[in-house]
mmCIF file of all heavy atoms, coordinates in Angstrom:
data_MODEL
# 
_entry.id   MODEL 
# 
loop_
_atom_site.group_PDB 
_atom_site.id 
_atom_site.type_symbol 
_atom_site.label_atom_id 
_atom_site.label_alt_id 
_atom_site.label_comp_id 
_atom_site.label_asym_id 
_atom_site.label_entity_id 
_atom_site.label_seq_id 
_atom_site.pdbx_PDB_ins_code 
_atom_site.Cartn_x 
_atom_site.Cartn_y 
_atom_site.Cartn_z 
_atom_site.occupancy 
_atom_site.B_iso_or_equiv 
_atom_site.pdbx_formal_charge 
_atom_site.auth_seq_id 
_atom_site.auth_comp_id 
_atom_site.auth_asym_id 
_atom_site.auth_atom_id 
_atom_site.pdbx_PDB_model_num 
ATOM 1   N N   . ALA A 1 1  ? -2.048  -112.887 202.012 1.00 0.00 ? 1  ALA A N   1 
ATOM 2   C CA  . ALA A 1 1  ? -2.191  -113.816 203.172 1.00 0.00 ? 1  ALA A CA  1 
ATOM 3   C C   . ALA A 1 1  ? -2.776  -113.144 204.351 1.00 0.00 ? 1  ALA A C   1 
ATOM 4   O O   . ALA A 1 1  ? -3.466  -113.807 205.042 1.00 0.00 ? 1  ALA A O   1 
ATOM 5   C CB  . ALA A 1 1  ? -0.731  -114.274 203.559 1.00 0.00 ? 1  ALA A CB  1 
ATOM 6   N N   . ALA A 1 2  ? -2.424  -111.767 204.557 1.00 0.00 ? 2  ALA A N   1 
ATOM 7   C CA  . ALA A 1 2  ? -3.020  -111.149 205.746 1.00 0.00 ? 2  ALA A CA  1 
ATOM 8   C C   . ALA A 1 2  ? -4.087  -110.187 205.472 1.00 0.00 ? 2  ALA A C   1 
ATOM 9   O O   . ALA A 1 2  ? -4.487  -109.362 206.233 1.00 0.00 ? 2  ALA A O   1 
ATOM 10  C CB  . ALA A 1 2  ? -1.729  -110.450 206.604 1.00 0.00 ? 2  ALA A CB  1 
ATOM 11  N N   . LEU A 1 3  ? -4.620  -110.203 204.161 1.00 0.00 ? 3  LEU A N   1 
ATOM 12  C CA  . LEU A 1 3  ? -5.518  -109.172 203.792 1.00 0.00 ? 3  LEU A CA  1 
ATOM 13  C C   . LEU A 1 3  ? -6.971  -109.658 203.812 1.00 0.00 ? 3  LEU A C   1 
ATOM 14  O O   . LEU A 1 3  ? -7.277  -110.795 203.676 1.00 0.00 ? 3  LEU A O   1 
ATOM 15  C CB  . LEU A 1 3  ? -5.248  -108.712 202.377 1.00 0.00 ? 3  LEU A CB  1 
ATOM 16  C CG  . LEU A 1 3  ? -3.897  -108.205 202.000 1.00 0.00 ? 3  LEU A CG  1 
ATOM 17  C CD1 . LEU A 1 3  ? -3.809  -107.603 200.721 1.00 0.00 ? 3  LEU A CD1 1 
ATOM 18  C CD2 . LEU A 1 3  ? -3.338  -107.125 203.060 1.00 0.00 ? 3  LEU A CD2 1 
ATOM 19  N N   . THR A 1 4  ? -7.851  -108.789 204.071 1.00 0.00 ? 4  THR A N   1 
ATOM 20  C CA  . THR A 1 4  ? -9.342  -109.023 204.086 1.00 0.00 ? 4  THR A CA  1 
ATOM 21  C C   . THR A 1 4  ? -9.756  -109.157 202.577 1.00 0.00 ? 4  THR A C   1 
ATOM 22  O O   . THR A 1 4  ? -9.039  -108.769 201.671 1.00 0.00 ? 4  THR A O   1 
ATOM 23  C CB  . THR A 1 4  ? -10.177 -107.863 204.734 1.00 0.00 ? 4  THR A CB  1 
ATOM 24  O OG1 . THR A 1 4  ? -10.017 -106.700 203.917 1.00 0.00 ? 4  THR A OG1 1 
ATOM 25  C CG2 . THR A 1 4  ? -9.799  -107.677 206.163 1.00 0.00 ? 4  THR A CG2 1 
ATOM 26  N N   . ARG A 1 5  ? -11.053 -109.612 202.331 1.00 0.00 ? 5  ARG A N   1 
ATOM 27  C CA  . ARG A 1 5  ? -11.507 -109.731 200.959 1.00 0.00 ? 5  ARG A CA  1 
ATOM 28  C C   . ARG A 1 5  ? -11.453 -108.324 200.298 1.00 0.00 ? 5  ARG A C   1 
ATOM 29  O O   . ARG A 1 5  ? -11.107 -108.176 199.114 1.00 0.00 ? 5  ARG A O   1 
ATOM 30  C CB  . ARG A 1 5  ? -12.895 -110.265 200.905 1.00 0.00 ? 5  ARG A CB  1 
ATOM 31  C CG  . ARG A 1 5  ? -12.897 -111.790 201.275 1.00 0.00 ? 5  ARG A CG  1 
ATOM 32  C CD  . ARG A 1 5  ? -14.182 -112.508 200.963 1.00 0.00 ? 5  ARG A CD  1 
ATOM 33  N NE  . ARG A 1 5  ? -15.302 -111.848 201.702 1.00 0.00 ? 5  ARG A NE  1 
ATOM 34  C CZ  . ARG A 1 5  ? -16.557 -112.270 201.653 1.00 0.00 ? 5  ARG A CZ  1 
ATOM 35  N NH1 . ARG A 1 5  ? -16.836 -113.197 200.710 1.00 0.00 ? 5  ARG A NH1 1 
ATOM 36  N NH2 . ARG A 1 5  ? -17.503 -111.763 202.349 1.00 0.00 ? 5  ARG A NH2 1 
ATOM 37  N N   . HIS A 1 6  ? -11.885 -107.227 201.121 1.00 0.00 ? 6  HIS A N   1 
ATOM 38  C CA  . HIS A 1 6  ? -11.956 -105.920 200.568 1.00 0.00 ? 6  HIS A CA  1 
ATOM 39  C C   . HIS A 1 6  ? -10.505 -105.355 200.167 1.00 0.00 ? 6  HIS A C   1 
ATOM 40  O O   . HIS A 1 6  ? -10.311 -104.854 199.052 1.00 0.00 ? 6  HIS A O   1 
ATOM 41  C CB  . HIS A 1 6  ? -12.454 -104.929 201.573 1.00 0.00 ? 6  HIS A CB  1 
ATOM 42  C CG  . HIS A 1 6  ? -12.540 -103.508 201.157 1.00 0.00 ? 6  HIS A CG  1 
ATOM 43  N ND1 . HIS A 1 6  ? -13.272 -102.959 200.001 1.00 0.00 ? 6  HIS A ND1 1 
ATOM 44  C CD2 . HIS A 1 6  ? -11.733 -102.438 201.658 1.00 0.00 ? 6  HIS A CD2 1 
ATOM 45  C CE1 . HIS A 1 6  ? -12.948 -101.727 200.020 1.00 0.00 ? 6  HIS A CE1 1 
ATOM 46  N NE2 . HIS A 1 6  ? -12.161 -101.287 200.865 1.00 0.00 ? 6  HIS A NE2 1 
ATOM 47  N N   . GLU A 1 7  ? -9.523  -105.675 201.044 1.00 0.00 ? 7  GLU A N   1 
ATOM 48  C CA  . GLU A 1 7  ? -8.205  -105.308 200.791 1.00 0.00 ? 7  GLU A CA  1 
ATOM 49  C C   . GLU A 1 7  ? -7.631  -106.096 199.611 1.00 0.00 ? 7  GLU A C   1 
ATOM 50  O O   . GLU A 1 7  ? -6.862  -105.521 198.871 1.00 0.00 ? 7  GLU A O   1 
ATOM 51  C CB  . GLU A 1 7  ? -7.315  -105.524 202.084 1.00 0.00 ? 7  GLU A CB  1 
ATOM 52  C CG  . GLU A 1 7  ? -7.688  -104.538 203.152 1.00 0.00 ? 7  GLU A CG  1 
ATOM 53  C CD  . GLU A 1 7  ? -7.188  -104.882 204.615 1.00 0.00 ? 7  GLU A CD  1 
ATOM 54  O OE1 . GLU A 1 7  ? -6.873  -106.088 204.682 1.00 0.00 ? 7  GLU A OE1 1 
ATOM 55  O OE2 . GLU A 1 7  ? -7.039  -103.966 205.336 1.00 0.00 ? 7  GLU A OE2 1 
ATOM 56  N N   . THR A 1 8  ? -7.872  -107.355 199.491 1.00 0.00 ? 8  THR A N   1 
ATOM 57  C CA  . THR A 1 8  ? -7.386  -108.177 198.366 1.00 0.00 ? 8  THR A CA  1 
ATOM 58  C C   . THR A 1 8  ? -7.971  -107.597 197.048 1.00 0.00 ? 8  THR A C   1 
ATOM 59  O O   . THR A 1 8  ? -7.291  -107.611 196.066 1.00 0.00 ? 8  THR A O   1 
ATOM 60  C CB  . THR A 1 8  ? -7.919  -109.590 198.581 1.00 0.00 ? 8  THR A CB  1 
ATOM 61  O OG1 . THR A 1 8  ? -7.169  -110.187 199.749 1.00 0.00 ? 8  THR A OG1 1 
ATOM 62  C CG2 . THR A 1 8  ? -7.525  -110.452 197.314 1.00 0.00 ? 8  THR A CG2 1 
ATOM 63  N N   . THR A 1 9  ? -9.295  -107.185 197.019 1.00 0.00 ? 9  THR A N   1 
ATOM 64  C CA  . THR A 1 9  ? -9.965  -106.651 195.891 1.00 0.00 ? 9  THR A CA  1 
ATOM 65  C C   . THR A 1 9  ? -9.197  -105.409 195.455 1.00 0.00 ? 9  THR A C   1 
ATOM 66  O O   . THR A 1 9  ? -8.959  -105.083 194.277 1.00 0.00 ? 9  THR A O   1 
ATOM 67  C CB  . THR A 1 9  ? -11.408 -106.148 196.147 1.00 0.00 ? 9  THR A CB  1 
ATOM 68  O OG1 . THR A 1 9  ? -12.065 -107.639 196.418 1.00 0.00 ? 9  THR A OG1 1 
ATOM 69  C CG2 . THR A 1 9  ? -12.103 -105.747 194.881 1.00 0.00 ? 9  THR A CG2 1 
ATOM 70  N N   . GLN A 1 10 ? -8.821  -104.645 196.496 1.00 0.00 ? 10 GLN A N   1 
ATOM 71  C CA  . GLN A 1 10 ? -7.976  -103.381 196.212 1.00 0.00 ? 10 GLN A CA  1 
ATOM 72  C C   . GLN A 1 10 ? -6.721  -103.613 195.492 1.00 0.00 ? 10 GLN A C   1 
ATOM 73  O O   . GLN A 1 10 ? -6.224  -103.087 194.548 1.00 0.00 ? 10 GLN A O   1 
ATOM 74  C CB  . GLN A 1 10 ? -7.772  -102.551 197.543 1.00 0.00 ? 10 GLN A CB  1 
ATOM 75  C CG  . GLN A 1 10 ? -9.023  -101.782 198.131 1.00 0.00 ? 10 GLN A CG  1 
ATOM 76  C CD  . GLN A 1 10 ? -8.566  -101.022 199.284 1.00 0.00 ? 10 GLN A CD  1 
ATOM 77  O OE1 . GLN A 1 10 ? -7.970  -101.443 200.139 1.00 0.00 ? 10 GLN A OE1 1 
ATOM 78  N NE2 . GLN A 1 10 ? -9.120  -99.825  199.343 1.00 0.00 ? 10 GLN A NE2 1 
ATOM 79  N N   . LEU A 1 11 ? -5.980  -104.727 196.108 1.00 0.00 ? 11 LEU A N   1 
ATOM 80  C CA  . LEU A 1 11 ? -4.815  -105.116 195.631 1.00 0.00 ? 11 LEU A CA  1 
ATOM 81  C C   . LEU A 1 11 ? -4.797  -105.613 194.167 1.00 0.00 ? 11 LEU A C   1 
ATOM 82  O O   . LEU A 1 11 ? -4.023  -105.262 193.302 1.00 0.00 ? 11 LEU A O   1 
ATOM 83  C CB  . LEU A 1 11 ? -4.105  -106.192 196.467 1.00 0.00 ? 11 LEU A CB  1 
ATOM 84  C CG  . LEU A 1 11 ? -2.886  -106.730 195.832 1.00 0.00 ? 11 LEU A CG  1 
ATOM 85  C CD1 . LEU A 1 11 ? -1.697  -105.759 195.841 1.00 0.00 ? 11 LEU A CD1 1 
ATOM 86  C CD2 . LEU A 1 11 ? -2.374  -107.977 196.764 1.00 0.00 ? 11 LEU A CD2 1 
ATOM 87  N N   . PHE A 1 12 ? -5.861  -106.375 193.852 1.00 0.00 ? 12 PHE A N   1 
ATOM 88  C CA  . PHE A 1 12 ? -6.176  -106.834 192.477 1.00 0.00 ? 12 PHE A CA  1 
ATOM 89  C C   . PHE A 1 12 ? -6.386  -105.801 191.539 1.00 0.00 ? 12 PHE A C   1 
ATOM 90  O O   . PHE A 1 12 ? -6.068  -105.830 190.356 1.00 0.00 ? 12 PHE A O   1 
ATOM 91  C CB  . PHE A 1 12 ? -7.092  -107.968 192.506 1.00 0.00 ? 12 PHE A CB  1 
ATOM 92  C CG  . PHE A 1 12 ? -6.641  -109.340 193.084 1.00 0.00 ? 12 PHE A CG  1 
ATOM 93  C CD1 . PHE A 1 12 ? -7.499  -110.282 193.194 1.00 0.00 ? 12 PHE A CD1 1 
ATOM 94  C CD2 . PHE A 1 12 ? -5.333  -109.478 193.547 1.00 0.00 ? 12 PHE A CD2 1 
ATOM 95  C CE1 . PHE A 1 12 ? -7.114  -111.598 193.771 1.00 0.00 ? 12 PHE A CE1 1 
ATOM 96  C CE2 . PHE A 1 12 ? -4.893  -110.576 194.068 1.00 0.00 ? 12 PHE A CE2 1 
ATOM 97  C CZ  . PHE A 1 12 ? -5.791  -111.709 194.051 1.00 0.00 ? 12 PHE A CZ  1 
ATOM 98  N N   . ARG A 1 13 ? -7.019  -104.773 191.983 1.00 0.00 ? 13 ARG A N   1 
ATOM 99  C CA  . ARG A 1 13 ? -7.328  -103.526 191.047 1.00 0.00 ? 13 ARG A CA  1 
ATOM 100 C C   . ARG A 1 13 ? -5.860  -102.989 190.667 1.00 0.00 ? 13 ARG A C   1 
ATOM 101 O O   . ARG A 1 13 ? -5.685  -102.540 189.564 1.00 0.00 ? 13 ARG A O   1 
ATOM 102 C CB  . ARG A 1 13 ? -8.053  -102.451 191.786 1.00 0.00 ? 13 ARG A CB  1 
ATOM 103 C CG  . ARG A 1 13 ? -9.566  -102.845 191.884 1.00 0.00 ? 13 ARG A CG  1 
ATOM 104 C CD  . ARG A 1 13 ? -10.421 -101.653 192.197 1.00 0.00 ? 13 ARG A CD  1 
ATOM 105 N NE  . ARG A 1 13 ? -11.779 -101.971 192.686 1.00 0.00 ? 13 ARG A NE  1 
ATOM 106 C CZ  . ARG A 1 13 ? -12.105 -101.937 194.010 1.00 0.00 ? 13 ARG A CZ  1 
ATOM 107 N NH1 . ARG A 1 13 ? -11.211 -101.413 194.903 1.00 0.00 ? 13 ARG A NH1 1 
ATOM 108 N NH2 . ARG A 1 13 ? -13.334 -102.250 194.328 1.00 0.00 ? 13 ARG A NH2 1 
ATOM 109 N N   . VAL A 1 14 ? -5.058  -102.868 191.797 1.00 0.00 ? 14 VAL A N   1 
ATOM 110 C CA  . VAL A 1 14 ? -3.643  -102.393 191.426 1.00 0.00 ? 14 VAL A CA  1 
ATOM 111 C C   . VAL A 1 14 ? -2.938  -103.390 190.424 1.00 0.00 ? 14 VAL A C   1 
ATOM 112 O O   . VAL A 1 14 ? -2.249  -102.869 189.439 1.00 0.00 ? 14 VAL A O   1 
ATOM 113 C CB  . VAL A 1 14 ? -2.844  -102.141 192.716 1.00 0.00 ? 14 VAL A CB  1 
ATOM 114 C CG1 . VAL A 1 14 ? -1.478  -101.822 192.447 1.00 0.00 ? 14 VAL A CG1 1 
ATOM 115 C CG2 . VAL A 1 14 ? -3.503  -101.204 193.635 1.00 0.00 ? 14 VAL A CG2 1 
ATOM 116 N N   . VAL A 1 15 ? -3.032  -104.570 190.636 1.00 0.00 ? 15 VAL A N   1 
ATOM 117 C CA  . VAL A 1 15 ? -2.469  -105.532 189.756 1.00 0.00 ? 15 VAL A CA  1 
ATOM 118 C C   . VAL A 1 15 ? -2.827  -105.344 188.292 1.00 0.00 ? 15 VAL A C   1 
ATOM 119 O O   . VAL A 1 15 ? -2.042  -105.356 187.431 1.00 0.00 ? 15 VAL A O   1 
ATOM 120 C CB  . VAL A 1 15 ? -2.597  -106.993 190.296 1.00 0.00 ? 15 VAL A CB  1 
ATOM 121 C CG1 . VAL A 1 15 ? -2.244  -108.037 189.159 1.00 0.00 ? 15 VAL A CG1 1 
ATOM 122 C CG2 . VAL A 1 15 ? -1.929  -107.221 191.549 1.00 0.00 ? 15 VAL A CG2 1 
ATOM 123 N N   . GLU A 1 16 ? -4.310  -105.157 188.230 1.00 0.00 ? 16 GLU A N   1 
ATOM 124 C CA  . GLU A 1 16 ? -4.768  -104.863 186.789 1.00 0.00 ? 16 GLU A CA  1 
ATOM 125 C C   . GLU A 1 16 ? -4.258  -103.687 186.097 1.00 0.00 ? 16 GLU A C   1 
ATOM 126 O O   . GLU A 1 16 ? -4.015  -103.603 184.965 1.00 0.00 ? 16 GLU A O   1 
ATOM 127 C CB  . GLU A 1 16 ? -6.376  -104.956 186.849 1.00 0.00 ? 16 GLU A CB  1 
ATOM 128 C CG  . GLU A 1 16 ? -6.940  -106.219 187.177 1.00 0.00 ? 16 GLU A CG  1 
ATOM 129 C CD  . GLU A 1 16 ? -6.650  -107.298 186.136 1.00 0.00 ? 16 GLU A CD  1 
ATOM 130 O OE1 . GLU A 1 16 ? -6.357  -106.928 184.950 1.00 0.00 ? 16 GLU A OE1 1 
ATOM 131 O OE2 . GLU A 1 16 ? -6.612  -108.484 186.432 1.00 0.00 ? 16 GLU A OE2 1 
ATOM 132 N N   . GLU A 1 17 ? -4.048  -102.589 187.024 1.00 0.00 ? 17 GLU A N   1 
ATOM 133 C CA  . GLU A 1 17 ? -3.475  -101.380 186.473 1.00 0.00 ? 17 GLU A CA  1 
ATOM 134 C C   . GLU A 1 17 ? -2.059  -101.570 185.962 1.00 0.00 ? 17 GLU A C   1 
ATOM 135 O O   . GLU A 1 17 ? -1.643  -101.115 184.980 1.00 0.00 ? 17 GLU A O   1 
ATOM 136 C CB  . GLU A 1 17 ? -3.591  -100.275 187.575 1.00 0.00 ? 17 GLU A CB  1 
ATOM 137 C CG  . GLU A 1 17 ? -4.918  -99.784  187.924 1.00 0.00 ? 17 GLU A CG  1 
ATOM 138 C CD  . GLU A 1 17 ? -4.961  -98.798  189.103 1.00 0.00 ? 17 GLU A CD  1 
ATOM 139 O OE1 . GLU A 1 17 ? -3.899  -98.429  189.523 1.00 0.00 ? 17 GLU A OE1 1 
ATOM 140 O OE2 . GLU A 1 17 ? -5.981  -98.468  189.552 1.00 0.00 ? 17 GLU A OE2 1 
ATOM 141 N N   . LEU A 1 18 ? -1.238  -102.361 186.797 1.00 0.00 ? 18 LEU A N   1 
ATOM 142 C CA  . LEU A 1 18 ? 0.061   -102.634 186.484 1.00 0.00 ? 18 LEU A CA  1 
ATOM 143 C C   . LEU A 1 18 ? 0.135   -103.555 185.261 1.00 0.00 ? 18 LEU A C   1 
ATOM 144 O O   . LEU A 1 18 ? 0.943   -103.289 184.452 1.00 0.00 ? 18 LEU A O   1 
ATOM 145 C CB  . LEU A 1 18 ? 0.750   -103.343 187.609 1.00 0.00 ? 18 LEU A CB  1 
ATOM 146 C CG  . LEU A 1 18 ? 0.957   -102.562 188.958 1.00 0.00 ? 18 LEU A CG  1 
ATOM 147 C CD1 . LEU A 1 18 ? 1.561   -103.403 190.120 1.00 0.00 ? 18 LEU A CD1 1 
ATOM 148 C CD2 . LEU A 1 18 ? 1.850   -101.298 188.672 1.00 0.00 ? 18 LEU A CD2 1 
ATOM 149 N N   . ARG A 1 19 ? -0.836  -104.462 185.092 1.00 0.00 ? 19 ARG A N   1 
ATOM 150 C CA  . ARG A 1 19 ? -0.843  -105.225 183.910 1.00 0.00 ? 19 ARG A CA  1 
ATOM 151 C C   . ARG A 1 19 ? -1.012  -104.390 182.615 1.00 0.00 ? 19 ARG A C   1 
ATOM 152 O O   . ARG A 1 19 ? -0.391  -104.633 181.589 1.00 0.00 ? 19 ARG A O   1 
ATOM 153 C CB  . ARG A 1 19 ? -1.960  -106.284 184.059 1.00 0.00 ? 19 ARG A CB  1 
ATOM 154 C CG  . ARG A 1 19 ? -2.090  -107.394 182.966 1.00 0.00 ? 19 ARG A CG  1 
ATOM 155 C CD  . ARG A 1 19 ? -3.394  -107.966 182.912 1.00 0.00 ? 19 ARG A CD  1 
ATOM 156 N NE  . ARG A 1 19 ? -3.931  -108.580 184.080 1.00 0.00 ? 19 ARG A NE  1 
ATOM 157 C CZ  . ARG A 1 19 ? -3.657  -109.923 184.488 1.00 0.00 ? 19 ARG A CZ  1 
ATOM 158 N NH1 . ARG A 1 19 ? -2.917  -110.540 183.693 1.00 0.00 ? 19 ARG A NH1 1 
ATOM 159 N NH2 . ARG A 1 19 ? -4.187  -110.254 185.559 1.00 0.00 ? 19 ARG A NH2 1 
ATOM 160 N N   . ALA A 1 20 ? -1.986  -103.426 182.743 1.00 0.00 ? 20 ALA A N   1 
ATOM 161 C CA  . ALA A 1 20 ? -2.110  -102.501 181.739 1.00 0.00 ? 20 ALA A CA  1 
ATOM 162 C C   . ALA A 1 20 ? -0.952  -101.658 181.318 1.00 0.00 ? 20 ALA A C   1 
ATOM 163 O O   . ALA A 1 20 ? -0.798  -101.226 180.219 1.00 0.00 ? 20 ALA A O   1 
ATOM 164 C CB  . ALA A 1 20 ? -3.377  -101.711 181.947 1.00 0.00 ? 20 ALA A CB  1 
ATOM 165 N N   . GLN A 1 21 ? -0.212  -101.393 182.428 1.00 0.00 ? 21 GLN A N   1 
ATOM 166 C CA  . GLN A 1 21 ? 1.070   -100.581 182.228 1.00 0.00 ? 21 GLN A CA  1 
ATOM 167 C C   . GLN A 1 21 ? 2.246   -101.391 181.740 1.00 0.00 ? 21 GLN A C   1 
ATOM 168 O O   . GLN A 1 21 ? 3.329   -100.831 181.540 1.00 0.00 ? 21 GLN A O   1 
ATOM 169 C CB  . GLN A 1 21 ? 1.397   -99.937  183.500 1.00 0.00 ? 21 GLN A CB  1 
ATOM 170 C CG  . GLN A 1 21 ? 0.377   -98.920  183.980 1.00 0.00 ? 21 GLN A CG  1 
ATOM 171 C CD  . GLN A 1 21 ? 0.632   -98.452  185.369 1.00 0.00 ? 21 GLN A CD  1 
ATOM 172 O OE1 . GLN A 1 21 ? 1.787   -98.517  185.962 1.00 0.00 ? 21 GLN A OE1 1 
ATOM 173 N NE2 . GLN A 1 21 ? -0.344  -97.948  186.079 1.00 0.00 ? 21 GLN A NE2 1 
ATOM 174 N N   . GLY A 1 22 ? 1.969   -102.722 181.568 1.00 0.00 ? 22 GLY A N   1 
ATOM 175 C CA  . GLY A 1 22 ? 3.106   -103.583 180.944 1.00 0.00 ? 22 GLY A CA  1 
ATOM 176 C C   . GLY A 1 22 ? 4.028   -103.982 182.024 1.00 0.00 ? 22 GLY A C   1 
ATOM 177 O O   . GLY A 1 22 ? 5.140   -104.560 181.647 1.00 0.00 ? 22 GLY A O   1 
ATOM 178 N N   . VAL A 1 23 ? 3.643   -104.082 183.191 1.00 0.00 ? 23 VAL A N   1 
ATOM 179 C CA  . VAL A 1 23 ? 4.577   -104.612 184.313 1.00 0.00 ? 23 VAL A CA  1 
ATOM 180 C C   . VAL A 1 23 ? 4.417   -106.084 184.284 1.00 0.00 ? 23 VAL A C   1 
ATOM 181 O O   . VAL A 1 23 ? 3.353   -106.654 184.148 1.00 0.00 ? 23 VAL A O   1 
ATOM 182 C CB  . VAL A 1 23 ? 4.191   -104.071 185.758 1.00 0.00 ? 23 VAL A CB  1 
ATOM 183 C CG1 . VAL A 1 23 ? 4.992   -104.825 186.830 1.00 0.00 ? 23 VAL A CG1 1 
ATOM 184 C CG2 . VAL A 1 23 ? 4.322   -102.486 185.676 1.00 0.00 ? 23 VAL A CG2 1 
ATOM 185 N N   . ALA A 1 24 ? 5.638   -106.835 184.321 1.00 0.00 ? 24 ALA A N   1 
ATOM 186 C CA  . ALA A 1 24 ? 5.602   -108.174 184.432 1.00 0.00 ? 24 ALA A CA  1 
ATOM 187 C C   . ALA A 1 24 ? 5.578   -108.685 185.873 1.00 0.00 ? 24 ALA A C   1 
ATOM 188 O O   . ALA A 1 24 ? 6.280   -108.116 186.637 1.00 0.00 ? 24 ALA A O   1 
ATOM 189 C CB  . ALA A 1 24 ? 6.838   -108.906 183.758 1.00 0.00 ? 24 ALA A CB  1 
ATOM 190 N N   . MET A 1 25 ? 4.697   -109.617 186.158 1.00 0.00 ? 25 MET A N   1 
ATOM 191 C CA  . MET A 1 25 ? 4.534   -109.984 187.615 1.00 0.00 ? 25 MET A CA  1 
ATOM 192 C C   . MET A 1 25 ? 4.581   -111.548 187.845 1.00 0.00 ? 25 MET A C   1 
ATOM 193 O O   . MET A 1 25 ? 4.176   -112.317 187.047 1.00 0.00 ? 25 MET A O   1 
ATOM 194 C CB  . MET A 1 25 ? 3.152   -109.557 188.074 1.00 0.00 ? 25 MET A CB  1 
ATOM 195 C CG  . MET A 1 25 ? 3.118   -108.016 188.252 1.00 0.00 ? 25 MET A CG  1 
ATOM 196 S SD  . MET A 1 25 ? 1.346   -107.401 188.556 1.00 0.00 ? 25 MET A SD  1 
ATOM 197 C CE  . MET A 1 25 ? 0.837   -107.211 186.843 1.00 0.00 ? 25 MET A CE  1 
# 
């Protein structure tokens, strides 16, 4: 909600890493 597009892209990279590690979100 408070993130720029660049910061959102960074966060989504983290989400993809967590997805690969088997984290449920």
